[in-house]
Protein backbone atom coordinates (compact mmCIF):
# COMPACT_ATOMS: atom_id res chain seq x y z
CA MET A 1 135.18 115.84 93.79
CA SER A 2 135.80 114.00 96.91
CA HIS A 3 133.40 111.68 98.35
CA GLN A 4 132.66 113.15 101.43
CA LEU A 5 131.79 116.26 99.43
CA VAL A 6 129.36 113.89 97.25
CA ILE A 7 128.18 112.53 101.26
CA ASP A 8 127.29 115.97 101.99
CA LEU A 9 125.24 116.98 99.01
CA THR A 10 123.53 113.68 99.08
CA ARG A 11 122.49 114.30 102.34
CA ASP A 12 121.41 117.91 102.41
CA ALA A 13 119.27 117.42 98.88
CA ILE A 14 117.31 114.52 100.61
CA MET A 15 117.09 117.00 103.90
CA THR A 16 115.51 119.75 101.77
CA ALA A 17 113.09 117.25 100.19
CA LEU A 18 111.90 115.89 103.07
CA MET A 19 111.84 119.51 105.10
CA LEU A 20 109.71 120.78 101.84
CA SER A 21 107.53 117.74 101.97
CA ALA A 22 107.23 116.79 105.30
CA PRO A 23 104.24 119.46 106.09
CA MET A 24 102.26 118.85 103.31
CA LEU A 25 102.42 115.39 103.92
CA LEU A 26 101.70 115.11 107.88
CA ILE A 27 98.41 117.75 106.86
CA ALA A 28 97.59 114.57 104.33
CA LEU A 29 98.27 112.05 106.67
CA GLY A 30 95.70 113.76 109.53
CA VAL A 31 93.09 114.91 107.18
CA GLY A 32 93.10 111.12 106.05
CA LEU A 33 92.91 109.82 109.65
CA ILE A 34 89.57 112.11 110.69
CA VAL A 35 87.78 111.11 107.65
CA SER A 36 88.36 107.63 108.06
CA ILE A 37 87.19 108.00 111.44
CA PHE A 38 84.54 109.98 110.47
CA GLN A 39 83.73 107.30 107.26
CA SER A 40 84.03 104.20 110.23
CA VAL A 41 81.94 105.97 112.37
CA THR A 42 78.85 107.23 109.76
CA GLN A 43 79.25 104.10 107.85
CA ILE A 44 79.52 106.03 105.05
CA GLN A 45 82.05 104.48 102.54
CA GLU A 46 82.40 107.23 99.49
CA GLN A 47 86.09 107.31 97.89
CA THR A 48 86.14 110.73 97.30
CA LEU A 49 84.61 111.80 100.73
CA SER A 50 88.44 111.71 101.44
CA PHE A 51 90.16 113.08 98.45
CA VAL A 52 88.48 116.58 98.57
CA PRO A 53 89.41 117.07 101.84
CA LYS A 54 93.12 116.00 101.56
CA LEU A 55 93.11 118.32 98.60
CA VAL A 56 91.61 121.62 100.13
CA PHE A 57 94.14 121.19 103.52
CA VAL A 58 97.27 120.57 101.42
CA GLY A 59 96.50 122.98 98.62
CA GLY A 60 95.55 125.72 101.88
CA ALA A 61 99.36 124.15 103.32
CA ILE A 62 100.99 124.82 100.14
CA VAL A 63 99.53 128.61 100.12
CA VAL A 64 100.13 129.28 103.87
CA GLY A 65 103.86 127.64 104.06
CA MET A 66 104.49 128.94 100.24
CA PRO A 67 106.84 131.87 101.80
CA TRP A 68 108.59 129.37 104.06
CA LEU A 69 109.22 126.73 101.20
CA MET A 70 110.34 129.33 99.12
CA GLN A 71 112.96 130.49 101.39
CA LEU A 72 114.62 127.23 102.25
CA LEU A 73 114.70 126.51 98.31
CA ILE A 74 116.99 129.88 98.18
CA LYS A 75 118.78 129.04 101.23
CA TYR A 76 119.68 125.21 99.37
CA THR A 77 119.85 126.90 96.11
CA THR A 78 122.27 129.63 97.24
CA GLN A 79 124.65 127.30 99.28
CA LEU A 80 125.10 124.96 96.41
CA ILE A 81 125.85 127.72 93.49
CA ARG A 82 128.26 128.85 96.07
CA GLY A 83 130.23 126.02 96.75
CA ILE A 84 130.80 124.91 93.84
CA PRO A 85 134.40 126.20 93.65
CA ALA A 86 135.07 123.71 96.41
CA MET A 87 133.50 120.92 93.75
CA ILE A 88 135.52 121.97 90.87
CA ALA A 89 139.01 122.03 93.19
């Protein structure tokens, strides 16, 4: 196993993890920002007020994006399994 192959495998794994997590993280960031602005304007300082909308929106994003997420994971896993002979040689 060459150094370049290890670097490529690591890069692909990190990129796949970023592609899987980025939509949910961005939605949580956006909802958190909107809720924070709402809390600042109304001066309501309730901690659960920011948690529940994030949970709902991120859960919805997971449900809506599940086909794409699974397709990405299957593509990565298939590519990894097909590359096993190159790793051994």
